[in-house]
C-alpha atoms as a PDB file:
ATOM      1  CA  MET A   1      21.846  41.696 170.678  1.00  0.00           C
ATOM      2  CA  ILE A   2      19.373  39.034 171.801  1.00  0.00           C
ATOM      3  CA  SER A   3      21.827  37.868 174.461  1.00  0.00           C
ATOM      4  CA  ASN A   4      22.157  41.412 175.800  1.00  0.00           C
ATOM      5  CA  LEU A   5      18.366  41.758 175.910  1.00  0.00           C
ATOM      6  CA  VAL A   6      18.026  38.509 177.871  1.00  0.00           C
ATOM      7  CA  ASN A   7      20.747  39.593 180.292  1.00  0.00           C
ATOM      8  CA  ASP A   8      19.129  42.989 180.748  1.00  0.00           C
ATOM      9  CA  LEU A   9      15.788  41.373 181.527  1.00  0.00           C
ATOM     10  CA  ALA A  10      17.444  39.021 184.008  1.00  0.00           C
ATOM     11  CA  ASP A  11      19.148  41.966 185.711  1.00  0.00           C
ATOM     12  CA  LEU A  12      15.815  43.763 185.903  1.00  0.00           C
ATOM     13  CA  PHE A  13      14.147  40.973 187.865  1.00  0.00           C
ATOM     14  CA  TYR A  14      17.239  39.511 189.543  1.00  0.00           C
ATOM     15  CA  PRO A  15      19.737  42.385 189.737  1.00  0.00           C
ATOM     16  CA  ARG A  16      23.381  41.469 190.141  1.00  0.00           C
ATOM     17  CA  THR A  17      25.109  43.379 192.917  1.00  0.00           C
ATOM     18  CA  CYS A  18      28.730  44.213 193.676  1.00  0.00           C
ATOM     19  CA  ALA A  19      30.349  41.625 195.943  1.00  0.00           C
ATOM     20  CA  VAL A  20      31.816  44.433 198.052  1.00  0.00           C
ATOM     21  CA  CYS A  21      29.446  47.421 198.235  1.00  0.00           C
ATOM     22  CA  ARG A  22      26.191  45.718 197.105  1.00  0.00           C
ATOM     23  CA  ARG A  23      25.522  48.361 194.457  1.00  0.00           C
ATOM     24  CA  VAL A  24      23.624  47.123 191.390  1.00  0.00           C
ATOM     25  CA  LEU A  25      26.142  46.231 188.683  1.00  0.00           C
ATOM     26  CA  LEU A  26      26.170  47.552 185.156  1.00  0.00           C
ATOM     27  CA  ARG A  27      26.200  45.213 182.152  1.00  0.00           C
ATOM     28  CA  ASP A  28      30.007  45.316 181.769  1.00  0.00           C
ATOM     29  CA  GLU A  29      30.727  44.844 185.480  1.00  0.00           C
ATOM     30  CA  PRO A  30      31.064  41.086 186.138  1.00  0.00           C
ATOM     31  CA  HIS A  31      31.350  40.839 189.944  1.00  0.00           C
ATOM     32  CA  LEU A  32      32.610  44.177 191.257  1.00  0.00           C
ATOM     33  CA  CYS A  33      31.578  47.708 190.451  1.00  0.00           C
ATOM     34  CA  THR A  34      34.212  49.922 188.848  1.00  0.00           C
ATOM     35  CA  HIS A  35      34.726  51.925 192.040  1.00  0.00           C
ATOM     36  CA  CYS A  36      35.399  48.855 194.204  1.00  0.00           C
ATOM     37  CA  LEU A  37      37.596  47.298 191.516  1.00  0.00           C
ATOM     38  CA  GLN A  38      39.816  50.362 191.567  1.00  0.00           C
ATOM     39  CA  SER A  39      39.734  50.552 195.378  1.00  0.00           C
ATOM     40  CA  ILE A  40      40.891  46.979 196.134  1.00  0.00           C
ATOM     41  CA  PRO A  41      43.569  47.346 198.853  1.00  0.00           C
ATOM     42  CA  ARG A  42      46.311  45.769 196.754  1.00  0.00           C
ATOM     43  CA  THR A  43      49.474  44.569 198.469  1.00  0.00           C
ATOM     44  CA  ASP A  44      51.832  45.005 195.470  1.00  0.00           C
ATOM     45  CA  TYR A  45      54.017  42.398 197.191  1.00  0.00           C
ATOM     46  CA  HIS A  46      55.265  41.152 193.814  1.00  0.00           C
ATOM     47  CA  ARG A  47      57.180  44.438 193.548  1.00  0.00           C
ATOM     48  CA  THR A  48      58.577  44.254 197.111  1.00  0.00           C
ATOM     49  CA  PRO A  49      61.827  42.309 197.725  1.00  0.00           C
ATOM     50  CA  PHE A  50      61.530  39.962 200.729  1.00  0.00           C
ATOM     51  CA  ASN A  51      57.986  41.148 201.300  1.00  0.00           C
ATOM     52  CA  PRO A  52      56.002  40.310 204.485  1.00  0.00           C
ATOM     53  CA  MET A  53      54.520  37.202 202.877  1.00  0.00           C
ATOM     54  CA  GLU A  54      57.963  35.861 202.001  1.00  0.00           C
ATOM     55  CA  GLN A  55      59.048  36.660 205.549  1.00  0.00           C
ATOM     56  CA  LEU A  56      56.077  34.654 206.850  1.00  0.00           C
ATOM     57  CA  PHE A  57      57.461  31.493 205.230  1.00  0.00           C
ATOM     58  CA  ALA A  58      61.144  32.146 205.930  1.00  0.00           C
ATOM     59  CA  GLY A  59      62.576  29.234 207.914  1.00  0.00           C
ATOM     60  CA  LYS A  60      59.555  27.032 207.160  1.00  0.00           C
ATOM     61  CA  PHE A  61      60.262  26.153 203.526  1.00  0.00           C
ATOM     62  CA  ALA A  62      62.258  27.574 200.646  1.00  0.00           C
ATOM     63  CA  ALA A  63      59.893  29.838 198.691  1.00  0.00           C
ATOM     64  CA  GLU A  64      60.998  31.283 195.377  1.00  0.00           C
ATOM     65  CA  ARG A  65      58.542  34.190 195.472  1.00  0.00           C
ATOM     66  CA  CYS A  66      55.232  35.009 197.132  1.00  0.00           C
ATOM     67  CA  SER A  67      52.424  37.487 196.663  1.00  0.00           C
ATOM     68  CA  ALA A  68      48.823  38.195 197.648  1.00  0.00           C
ATOM     69  CA  PHE A  69      46.345  40.282 195.687  1.00  0.00           C
ATOM     70  CA  PHE A  70      44.854  42.311 198.544  1.00  0.00           C
ATOM     71  CA  PHE A  71      44.795  42.789 202.307  1.00  0.00           C
ATOM     72  CA  PHE A  72      42.090  40.959 204.273  1.00  0.00           C
ATOM     73  CA  ARG A  73      40.918  42.973 207.257  1.00  0.00           C
ATOM     74  CA  HIS A  74      37.902  42.092 209.396  1.00  0.00           C
ATOM     75  CA  ASP A  75      36.867  45.748 209.523  1.00  0.00           C
ATOM     76  CA  SER A  76      37.013  46.156 205.735  1.00  0.00           C
ATOM     77  CA  ASP A  77      34.175  45.626 203.271  1.00  0.00           C
ATOM     78  CA  PHE A  78      36.659  43.832 201.004  1.00  0.00           C
ATOM     79  CA  ARG A  79      36.532  40.818 203.328  1.00  0.00           C
ATOM     80  CA  ARG A  80      33.195  40.163 201.604  1.00  0.00           C
ATOM     81  CA  LEU A  81      35.085  39.138 198.472  1.00  0.00           C
ATOM     82  CA  ILE A  82      36.389  36.012 200.208  1.00  0.00           C
ATOM     83  CA  HIS A  83      33.041  35.320 201.912  1.00  0.00           C
ATOM     84  CA  HIS A  84      31.269  35.816 198.574  1.00  0.00           C
ATOM     85  CA  ILE A  85      33.378  33.058 197.032  1.00  0.00           C
ATOM     86  CA  LYS A  86      33.873  30.699 199.945  1.00  0.00           C
ATOM     87  CA  TYR A  87      30.575  30.757 201.802  1.00  0.00           C
ATOM     88  CA  HIS A  88      28.054  32.035 199.253  1.00  0.00           C
ATOM     89  CA  GLY A  89      29.028  29.721 196.426  1.00  0.00           C
ATOM     90  CA  ASN A  90      30.123  32.334 193.906  1.00  0.00           C
ATOM     91  CA  LYS A  91      33.015  30.308 192.573  1.00  0.00           C
ATOM     92  CA  GLU A  92      32.993  32.236 189.284  1.00  0.00           C
ATOM     93  CA  CYS A  93      34.079  35.324 191.242  1.00  0.00           C
ATOM     94  CA  GLY A  94      37.139  33.354 192.358  1.00  0.00           C
ATOM     95  CA  ALA A  95      38.066  32.638 188.741  1.00  0.00           C
ATOM     96  CA  TYR A  96      37.458  36.285 187.822  1.00  0.00           C
ATOM     97  CA  LEU A  97      39.724  37.586 190.604  1.00  0.00           C
ATOM     98  CA  GLY A  98      42.364  34.973 189.763  1.00  0.00           C
ATOM     99  CA  GLN A  99      42.470  36.140 186.159  1.00  0.00           C
ATOM    100  CA  LEU A 100      42.499  39.790 187.228  1.00  0.00           C
ATOM    101  CA  PHE A 101      45.431  39.143 189.580  1.00  0.00           C
ATOM    102  CA  ALA A 102      47.308  37.227 186.881  1.00  0.00           C
ATOM    103  CA  GLU A 103      46.979  40.164 184.484  1.00  0.00           C
ATOM    104  CA  GLU A 104      48.565  42.481 187.046  1.00  0.00           C
ATOM    105  CA  LEU A 105      51.408  40.061 187.845  1.00  0.00           C
ATOM    106  CA  ALA A 106      52.293  39.014 184.305  1.00  0.00           C
ATOM    107  CA  GLY A 107      53.862  42.323 183.364  1.00  0.00           C
ATOM    108  CA  ASP A 108      56.462  41.897 186.103  1.00  0.00           C
ATOM    109  CA  GLY A 109      57.494  38.407 184.976  1.00  0.00           C
ATOM    110  CA  PHE A 110      56.056  36.616 188.017  1.00  0.00           C
ATOM    111  CA  PHE A 111      55.019  33.563 185.971  1.00  0.00           C
ATOM    112  CA  ASP A 112      58.088  33.338 183.721  1.00  0.00           C
ATOM    113  CA  THR A 113      59.518  30.116 185.203  1.00  0.00           C
ATOM    114  CA  ILE A 114      56.332  28.506 186.576  1.00  0.00           C
ATOM    115  CA  ASP A 115      55.661  25.015 185.190  1.00  0.00           C
ATOM    116  CA  TYR A 116      52.434  24.043 186.969  1.00  0.00           C
ATOM    117  CA  ILE A 117      49.749  25.653 189.120  1.00  0.00           C
ATOM    118  CA  VAL A 118      48.783  23.617 192.203  1.00  0.00           C
ATOM    119  CA  PRO A 119      45.648  24.629 194.159  1.00  0.00           C
ATOM    120  CA  VAL A 120      45.551  23.759 197.859  1.00  0.00           C
ATOM    121  CA  PRO A 121      43.160  20.769 198.026  1.00  0.00           C
ATOM    122  CA  LEU A 122      40.108  20.368 200.253  1.00  0.00           C
ATOM    123  CA  HIS A 123      39.435  17.181 202.151  1.00  0.00           C
ATOM    124  CA  LYS A 124      36.925  15.077 200.206  1.00  0.00           C
ATOM    125  CA  ARG A 125      34.227  15.412 202.893  1.00  0.00           C
ATOM    126  CA  LYS A 126      34.519  19.210 202.949  1.00  0.00           C
ATOM    127  CA  LEU A 127      34.543  19.217 199.150  1.00  0.00           C
ATOM    128  CA  ARG A 128      31.271  17.277 199.108  1.00  0.00           C
ATOM    129  CA  ARG A 129      29.683  19.688 201.595  1.00  0.00           C
ATOM    130  CA  ARG A 130      30.810  22.854 199.821  1.00  0.00           C
ATOM    131  CA  GLY A 131      30.463  21.505 196.299  1.00  0.00           C
ATOM    132  CA  PHE A 132      33.637  23.112 194.980  1.00  0.00           C
ATOM    133  CA  ASN A 133      37.201  24.003 195.907  1.00  0.00           C
ATOM    134  CA  GLN A 134      37.618  27.772 195.826  1.00  0.00           C
ATOM    135  CA  SER A 135      41.391  27.439 195.326  1.00  0.00           C
ATOM    136  CA  GLU A 136      40.808  25.425 192.144  1.00  0.00           C
ATOM    137  CA  TRP A 137      38.599  28.185 190.737  1.00  0.00           C
ATOM    138  CA  ILE A 138      41.195  30.836 191.572  1.00  0.00           C
ATOM    139  CA  ALA A 139      43.828  28.635 189.927  1.00  0.00           C
ATOM    140  CA  ALA A 140      41.589  28.210 186.873  1.00  0.00           C
ATOM    141  CA  GLY A 141      41.363  31.982 186.484  1.00  0.00           C
ATOM    142  CA  ILE A 142      45.139  32.336 186.676  1.00  0.00           C
ATOM    143  CA  SER A 143      45.572  29.502 184.195  1.00  0.00           C
ATOM    144  CA  ALA A 144      43.077  31.057 181.774  1.00  0.00           C
ATOM    145  CA  TYR A 145      45.307  34.103 181.496  1.00  0.00           C
ATOM    146  CA  THR A 146      48.771  32.524 181.734  1.00  0.00           C
ATOM    147  CA  ARG A 147      48.027  29.209 179.932  1.00  0.00           C
ATOM    148  CA  ILE A 148      50.019  27.419 182.656  1.00  0.00           C
ATOM    149  CA  PRO A 149      48.458  23.986 183.362  1.00  0.00           C
ATOM    150  CA  VAL A 150      46.667  23.321 186.646  1.00  0.00           C
ATOM    151  CA  ARG A 151      47.662  20.088 188.423  1.00  0.00           C
ATOM    152  CA  THR A 152      45.275  18.669 191.033  1.00  0.00           C
ATOM    153  CA  ASP A 153      47.058  15.298 191.180  1.00  0.00           C
ATOM    154  CA  LEU A 154      50.211  16.453 192.961  1.00  0.00           C
ATOM    155  CA  LEU A 155      48.725  17.083 196.398  1.00  0.00           C
ATOM    156  CA  GLU A 156      46.100  15.353 198.561  1.00  0.00           C
ATOM    157  CA  HIS A 157      44.304  16.478 201.714  1.00  0.00           C
ATOM    158  CA  ARG A 158      44.154  13.286 203.735  1.00  0.00           C
ATOM    159  CA  ARG A 159      42.965  14.446 207.160  1.00  0.00           C
ATOM    160  CA  GLU A 160      39.926  16.680 207.671  1.00  0.00           C
ATOM    161  CA  ASN A 161      40.903  19.551 209.922  1.00  0.00           C
ATOM    162  CA  GLU A 162      38.806  21.631 212.251  1.00  0.00           C
ATOM    163  CA  SER A 163      38.113  25.205 211.173  1.00  0.00           C
ATOM    164  CA  GLN A 164      41.238  27.374 211.348  1.00  0.00           C
ATOM    165  CA  THR A 165      39.318  30.626 211.776  1.00  0.00           C
ATOM    166  CA  ARG A 166      39.735  31.162 215.523  1.00  0.00           C
ATOM    167  CA  LYS A 167      42.953  29.256 216.102  1.00  0.00           C
ATOM    168  CA  GLY A 168      46.332  30.668 217.050  1.00  0.00           C
ATOM    169  CA  ILE A 169      49.614  30.105 215.220  1.00  0.00           C
ATOM    170  CA  TYR A 170      50.714  26.976 217.108  1.00  0.00           C
ATOM    171  CA  THR A 171      47.239  25.404 217.062  1.00  0.00           C
ATOM    172  CA  ARG A 172      46.951  26.046 213.323  1.00  0.00           C
ATOM    173  CA  TRP A 173      50.290  24.325 212.795  1.00  0.00           C
ATOM    174  CA  LEU A 174      49.162  21.294 214.832  1.00  0.00           C
ATOM    175  CA  ASN A 175      45.863  21.270 212.936  1.00  0.00           C
ATOM    176  CA  THR A 176      47.543  21.060 209.535  1.00  0.00           C
ATOM    177  CA  ARG A 177      50.627  18.970 210.392  1.00  0.00           C
ATOM    178  CA  ASP A 178      50.678  15.734 208.379  1.00  0.00           C
ATOM    179  CA  GLY A 179      47.301  16.625 206.860  1.00  0.00           C
ATOM    180  CA  PHE A 180      48.615  16.774 203.297  1.00  0.00           C
ATOM    181  CA  HIS A 181      50.276  14.146 201.171  1.00  0.00           C
ATOM    182  CA  ALA A 182      52.214  14.617 197.936  1.00  0.00           C
ATOM    183  CA  PRO A 183      52.765  11.335 196.092  1.00  0.00           C
ATOM    184  CA  HIS A 184      56.064  10.952 194.304  1.00  0.00           C
ATOM    185  CA  THR A 185      55.293  11.941 190.724  1.00  0.00           C
ATOM    186  CA  PRO A 186      57.869  11.093 188.033  1.00  0.00           C
ATOM    187  CA  GLY A 187      58.476  13.902 185.600  1.00  0.00           C
ATOM    188  CA  ILE A 188      58.113  16.882 187.937  1.00  0.00           C
ATOM    189  CA  GLU A 189      61.593  16.803 189.480  1.00  0.00           C
ATOM    190  CA  GLY A 190      63.099  20.260 189.200  1.00  0.00           C
ATOM    191  CA  CYS A 191      59.779  21.838 188.221  1.00  0.00           C
ATOM    192  CA  HIS A 192      58.621  25.171 189.589  1.00  0.00           C
ATOM    193  CA  LEU A 193      55.179  24.838 191.198  1.00  0.00           C
ATOM    194  CA  LEU A 194      52.843  27.705 192.061  1.00  0.00           C
ATOM    195  CA  LEU A 195      50.734  26.974 195.165  1.00  0.00           C
ATOM    196  CA  ILE A 196      47.337  28.711 195.191  1.00  0.00           C
ATOM    197  CA  ASP A 197      45.034  29.411 198.156  1.00  0.00           C
ATOM    198  CA  ASP A 198      42.336  31.953 198.963  1.00  0.00           C
ATOM    199  CA  VAL A 199      43.686  33.533 202.171  1.00  0.00           C
ATOM    200  CA  VAL A 200      46.933  33.232 204.106  1.00  0.00           C
ATOM    201  CA  THR A 201      46.875  34.052 207.826  1.00  0.00           C
ATOM    202  CA  THR A 202      49.634  32.283 209.746  1.00  0.00           C
ATOM    203  CA  GLY A 203      50.894  30.344 206.724  1.00  0.00           C
ATOM    204  CA  ALA A 204      50.328  26.963 208.366  1.00  0.00           C
ATOM    205  CA  THR A 205      48.331  25.413 205.503  1.00  0.00           C
ATOM    206  CA  ILE A 206      50.623  26.659 202.746  1.00  0.00           C
ATOM    207  CA  SER A 207      53.704  25.547 204.720  1.00  0.00           C
ATOM    208  CA  ALA A 208      52.290  22.051 205.226  1.00  0.00           C
ATOM    209  CA  CYS A 209      51.536  21.752 201.495  1.00  0.00           C
ATOM    210  CA  ALA A 210      54.948  23.056 200.432  1.00  0.00           C
ATOM    211  CA  GLU A 211      56.843  20.828 202.860  1.00  0.00           C
ATOM    212  CA  SER A 212      54.950  17.780 201.608  1.00  0.00           C
ATOM    213  CA  LEU A 213      55.641  18.635 197.960  1.00  0.00           C
ATOM    214  CA  GLN A 214      59.340  19.288 198.562  1.00  0.00           C
ATOM    215  CA  LYS A 215      59.718  16.151 200.663  1.00  0.00           C
ATOM    216  CA  SER A 216      58.278  13.855 197.986  1.00  0.00           C
ATOM    217  CA  ASN A 217      59.588  15.609 194.898  1.00  0.00           C
ATOM    218  CA  ARG A 218      62.548  17.886 194.231  1.00  0.00           C
ATOM    219  CA  VAL A 219      60.615  20.965 193.219  1.00  0.00           C
ATOM    220  CA  LYS A 220      60.704  24.721 193.622  1.00  0.00           C
ATOM    221  CA  ILE A 221      57.710  26.438 195.223  1.00  0.00           C
ATOM    222  CA  SER A 222      56.154  29.866 194.781  1.00  0.00           C
ATOM    223  CA  VAL A 223      52.925  31.016 196.431  1.00  0.00           C
ATOM    224  CA  LEU A 224      49.954  33.144 195.375  1.00  0.00           C
ATOM    225  CA  THR A 225      46.846  33.879 197.399  1.00  0.00           C
ATOM    226  CA  LEU A 226      43.946  36.208 196.793  1.00  0.00           C
ATOM    227  CA  ALA A 227      44.335  37.782 200.222  1.00  0.00           C
ATOM    228  CA  ILE A 228      46.609  38.027 203.235  1.00  0.00           C
ATOM    229  CA  ALA A 229      45.202  38.691 206.686  1.00  0.00           C
ATOM    230  CA  ARG A 230      46.377  41.862 208.329  1.00  0.00           C
END
Protein backbone atom coordinates (compact mmCIF):
# COMPACT_ATOMS: atom_id res chain seq x y z
CA MET A 1 0.00 0.00 0.00
CA ILE A 2 2.82 2.39 0.91
CA SER A 3 4.71 1.36 -2.23
CA ASN A 4 1.66 2.11 -4.38
CA LEU A 5 1.29 5.51 -2.72
CA VAL A 6 4.94 6.36 -3.41
CA ASN A 7 4.60 5.25 -7.03
CA ASP A 8 1.42 7.27 -7.46
CA LEU A 9 3.13 10.37 -6.10
CA ALA A 10 6.09 9.82 -8.41
CA ASP A 11 3.75 9.47 -11.39
CA LEU A 12 2.01 12.68 -10.37
CA PHE A 13 5.19 14.74 -10.53
CA TYR A 14 7.11 12.66 -13.08
CA PRO A 15 4.44 10.90 -15.16
CA ARG A 16 5.50 7.80 -17.04
CA THR A 17 4.44 7.81 -20.67
CA CYS A 18 3.91 5.10 -23.27
CA ALA A 19 7.05 4.45 -25.32
CA VAL A 20 4.94 4.48 -28.49
CA CYS A 21 2.07 6.99 -28.23
CA ARG A 22 3.34 9.11 -25.29
CA ARG A 23 0.07 8.75 -23.38
CA VAL A 24 0.40 8.82 -19.59
CA LEU A 25 0.57 5.24 -18.31
CA LEU A 26 -1.65 3.71 -15.69
CA ARG A 27 -0.21 2.00 -12.61
CA ASP A 28 -0.34 -1.50 -14.15
CA GLU A 29 1.13 -0.44 -17.50
CA PRO A 30 4.93 -0.85 -17.30
CA HIS A 31 6.20 0.66 -20.57
CA LEU A 32 3.37 0.56 -23.10
CA CYS A 33 -0.27 1.49 -22.79
CA THR A 34 -2.78 -1.31 -23.27
CA HIS A 35 -3.84 -0.03 -26.69
CA CYS A 36 -0.29 0.05 -28.08
CA LEU A 37 0.53 -3.32 -26.50
CA GLN A 38 -2.37 -4.89 -28.37
CA SER A 39 -1.52 -3.00 -31.58
CA ILE A 40 2.14 -4.06 -31.90
CA PRO A 41 2.57 -5.08 -35.57
CA ARG A 42 3.57 -8.65 -34.75
CA THR A 43 5.25 -10.75 -37.43
CA ASP A 44 4.07 -14.17 -36.16
CA TYR A 45 7.08 -15.57 -38.02
CA HIS A 46 7.39 -18.40 -35.49
CA ARG A 47 4.19 -19.82 -36.99
CA THR A 48 5.36 -19.39 -40.62
CA PRO A 49 7.46 -22.16 -42.23
CA PHE A 50 10.52 -20.76 -44.04
CA ASN A 51 9.47 -17.25 -43.09
CA PRO A 52 11.10 -14.12 -44.60
CA MET A 53 13.63 -13.93 -41.77
CA GLU A 54 14.75 -17.51 -42.37
CA GLN A 55 14.96 -16.70 -46.07
CA LEU A 56 17.18 -13.72 -45.24
CA PHE A 57 19.81 -16.05 -43.77
CA ALA A 58 19.44 -18.87 -46.30
CA GLY A 59 22.81 -19.52 -47.95
CA LYS A 60 24.67 -17.49 -45.32
CA PHE A 61 24.55 -19.92 -42.39
CA ALA A 62 22.44 -22.86 -41.29
CA ALA A 63 19.69 -21.45 -39.05
CA GLU A 64 17.42 -23.81 -37.16
CA ARG A 65 14.60 -21.28 -36.76
CA CYS A 66 14.20 -17.51 -36.75
CA SER A 67 11.64 -14.99 -35.61
CA ALA A 68 11.15 -11.30 -34.86
CA PHE A 69 8.57 -9.81 -32.53
CA PHE A 70 7.36 -6.93 -34.70
CA PHE A 71 7.91 -5.05 -37.95
CA PHE A 72 10.15 -1.97 -37.84
CA ARG A 73 9.00 0.69 -40.27
CA HIS A 74 10.37 4.23 -40.39
CA ASP A 75 6.86 5.62 -40.89
CA SER A 76 5.45 3.75 -37.88
CA ASP A 77 5.24 5.02 -34.31
CA PHE A 78 6.41 1.57 -33.17
CA ARG A 79 9.93 2.43 -34.32
CA ARG A 80 10.03 4.46 -31.10
CA LEU A 81 10.21 1.21 -29.13
CA ILE A 82 13.71 0.53 -30.45
CA HIS A 83 14.78 4.18 -30.10
CA HIS A 84 13.37 4.22 -26.55
CA ILE A 85 15.64 1.33 -25.61
CA LYS A 86 18.71 2.00 -27.71
CA TYR A 87 19.09 5.76 -27.69
CA HIS A 88 17.13 6.92 -24.64
CA GLY A 89 18.61 4.47 -22.17
CA ASN A 90 15.44 2.62 -21.23
CA LYS A 91 17.08 -0.77 -21.01
CA GLU A 92 14.34 -2.08 -18.71
CA CYS A 93 11.91 -1.75 -21.64
CA GLY A 94 14.17 -4.13 -23.57
CA ALA A 95 13.90 -6.72 -20.81
CA TYR A 96 10.13 -6.20 -20.64
CA LEU A 97 9.67 -6.73 -24.39
CA GLY A 98 12.01 -9.73 -24.32
CA GLN A 99 9.91 -11.39 -21.63
CA LEU A 100 6.69 -10.49 -23.44
CA PHE A 101 8.00 -12.02 -26.67
CA ALA A 102 9.15 -15.15 -24.85
CA GLU A 103 5.67 -15.66 -23.39
CA GLU A 104 4.16 -15.57 -26.88
CA LEU A 105 6.76 -17.96 -28.34
CA ALA A 106 6.83 -20.52 -25.54
CA GLY A 107 3.42 -21.96 -26.32
CA ASP A 108 4.62 -22.99 -29.77
CA GLY A 109 7.69 -24.83 -28.47
CA PHE A 110 10.21 -22.34 -29.89
CA PHE A 111 12.58 -22.75 -26.92
CA ASP A 112 12.25 -26.52 -26.46
CA THR A 113 15.77 -27.44 -27.61
CA ILE A 114 17.64 -24.19 -26.83
CA ASP A 115 20.61 -24.66 -24.48
CA TYR A 116 21.96 -21.11 -24.18
CA ILE A 117 20.94 -17.57 -25.08
CA VAL A 118 23.72 -15.50 -26.70
CA PRO A 119 23.21 -11.72 -27.07
CA VAL A 120 25.05 -10.00 -29.92
CA PRO A 121 27.93 -8.17 -28.17
CA LEU A 122 28.86 -4.50 -28.46
CA HIS A 123 32.42 -3.38 -28.95
CA LYS A 124 33.88 -2.34 -25.59
CA ARG A 125 34.23 1.32 -26.62
CA LYS A 126 30.59 1.53 -27.74
CA LEU A 127 29.56 -0.28 -24.56
CA ARG A 128 31.36 2.34 -22.46
CA ARG A 129 29.68 5.17 -24.37
CA ARG A 130 26.17 3.72 -24.21
CA GLY A 131 26.51 2.21 -20.75
CA PHE A 132 24.67 -1.01 -21.57
CA ASN A 133 24.13 -3.58 -24.30
CA GLN A 134 20.49 -3.55 -25.35
CA SER A 135 20.74 -7.13 -26.68
CA GLU A 136 21.81 -8.35 -23.23
CA TRP A 137 18.74 -6.76 -21.65
CA ILE A 138 16.46 -8.33 -24.26
CA ALA A 139 18.18 -11.66 -23.62
CA ALA A 140 17.72 -11.19 -19.86
CA GLY A 141 13.98 -10.75 -20.35
CA ILE A 142 13.77 -13.92 -22.43
CA SER A 143 15.83 -15.79 -19.86
CA ALA A 144 13.63 -14.57 -17.00
CA TYR A 145 10.67 -16.30 -18.59
CA THR A 146 12.32 -19.40 -20.08
CA ARG A 147 15.01 -19.98 -17.40
CA ILE A 148 17.51 -20.64 -20.21
CA PRO A 149 20.97 -19.34 -19.21
CA VAL A 150 22.46 -16.30 -20.93
CA ARG A 151 26.08 -16.71 -22.12
CA THR A 152 28.10 -13.55 -22.81
CA ASP A 153 31.42 -15.43 -22.97
CA LEU A 154 30.85 -17.22 -26.27
CA LEU A 155 31.14 -14.23 -28.60
CA GLU A 156 33.34 -11.11 -28.72
CA HIS A 157 33.07 -7.93 -30.77
CA ARG A 158 36.69 -7.21 -31.61
CA ARG A 159 36.47 -4.43 -34.20
CA GLU A 160 34.41 -1.27 -33.70
CA ASN A 161 32.27 -0.74 -36.77
CA GLU A 162 30.85 2.43 -38.22
CA SER A 163 27.11 2.94 -37.85
CA GLN A 164 25.13 0.54 -40.04
CA THR A 165 22.08 2.80 -40.27
CA ARG A 166 22.58 4.26 -43.75
CA LYS A 167 24.63 1.50 -45.33
CA GLY A 168 23.59 -0.85 -48.11
CA ILE A 169 23.70 -4.65 -48.02
CA TYR A 170 27.24 -5.08 -49.38
CA THR A 171 28.68 -2.24 -47.27
CA ARG A 172 27.04 -3.68 -44.15
CA TRP A 173 28.62 -7.04 -44.90
CA LEU A 174 32.07 -5.45 -45.32
CA ASN A 175 31.52 -3.46 -42.12
CA THR A 176 30.83 -6.55 -40.03
CA ARG A 177 33.13 -9.09 -41.73
CA ASP A 178 35.71 -10.45 -39.27
CA GLY A 179 34.38 -8.11 -36.58
CA PHE A 180 33.30 -10.92 -34.26
CA HIS A 181 35.28 -13.68 -32.64
CA ALA A 182 33.99 -16.84 -30.97
CA PRO A 183 36.67 -18.57 -28.89
CA HIS A 184 36.61 -22.34 -28.89
CA THR A 185 34.68 -23.24 -25.75
CA PRO A 186 34.82 -26.85 -24.53
CA GLY A 187 31.47 -28.21 -23.47
CA ILE A 188 29.23 -26.45 -25.99
CA GLU A 189 29.78 -28.77 -28.95
CA GLY A 190 26.41 -29.83 -30.29
CA CYS A 191 24.56 -27.20 -28.25
CA HIS A 192 21.70 -25.16 -29.65
CA LEU A 193 22.39 -21.43 -29.25
CA LEU A 194 19.82 -18.65 -29.55
CA LEU A 195 21.32 -15.43 -30.95
CA ILE A 196 19.59 -12.25 -29.76
CA ASP A 197 19.68 -8.76 -31.30
CA ASP A 198 17.40 -5.72 -31.30
CA VAL A 199 16.77 -5.21 -35.03
CA VAL A 200 17.64 -7.18 -38.16
CA THR A 201 17.85 -5.28 -41.45
CA THR A 202 20.13 -6.99 -43.97
CA GLY A 203 21.20 -9.74 -41.57
CA ALA A 204 24.89 -8.86 -41.84
CA THR A 205 25.57 -8.64 -38.09
CA ILE A 206 23.67 -11.80 -37.19
CA SER A 207 25.33 -13.69 -40.07
CA ALA A 208 28.81 -12.62 -38.95
CA CYS A 209 28.07 -13.75 -35.38
CA ALA A 210 26.59 -17.08 -36.46
CA GLU A 211 29.43 -17.86 -38.87
CA SER A 212 31.99 -17.14 -36.16
CA LEU A 213 30.20 -19.36 -33.64
CA GLN A 214 29.80 -22.24 -36.09
CA LYS A 215 33.39 -21.94 -37.27
CA SER A 216 34.86 -22.21 -33.77
CA ASN A 217 32.36 -24.61 -32.24
CA ARG A 218 30.04 -27.25 -33.67
CA VAL A 219 26.77 -25.68 -32.63
CA LYS A 220 23.26 -25.14 -33.94
CA ILE A 221 21.99 -21.57 -34.25
CA SER A 222 18.54 -20.02 -33.97
CA VAL A 223 17.81 -16.28 -34.07
CA LEU A 224 15.42 -13.94 -32.26
CA THR A 225 15.21 -10.18 -32.64
CA LEU A 226 12.74 -7.66 -31.30
CA ALA A 227 12.16 -6.21 -34.75
CA ILE A 228 12.78 -6.75 -38.44
CA ALA A 229 13.05 -3.82 -40.82
CA ARG A 230 10.46 -3.71 -43.55
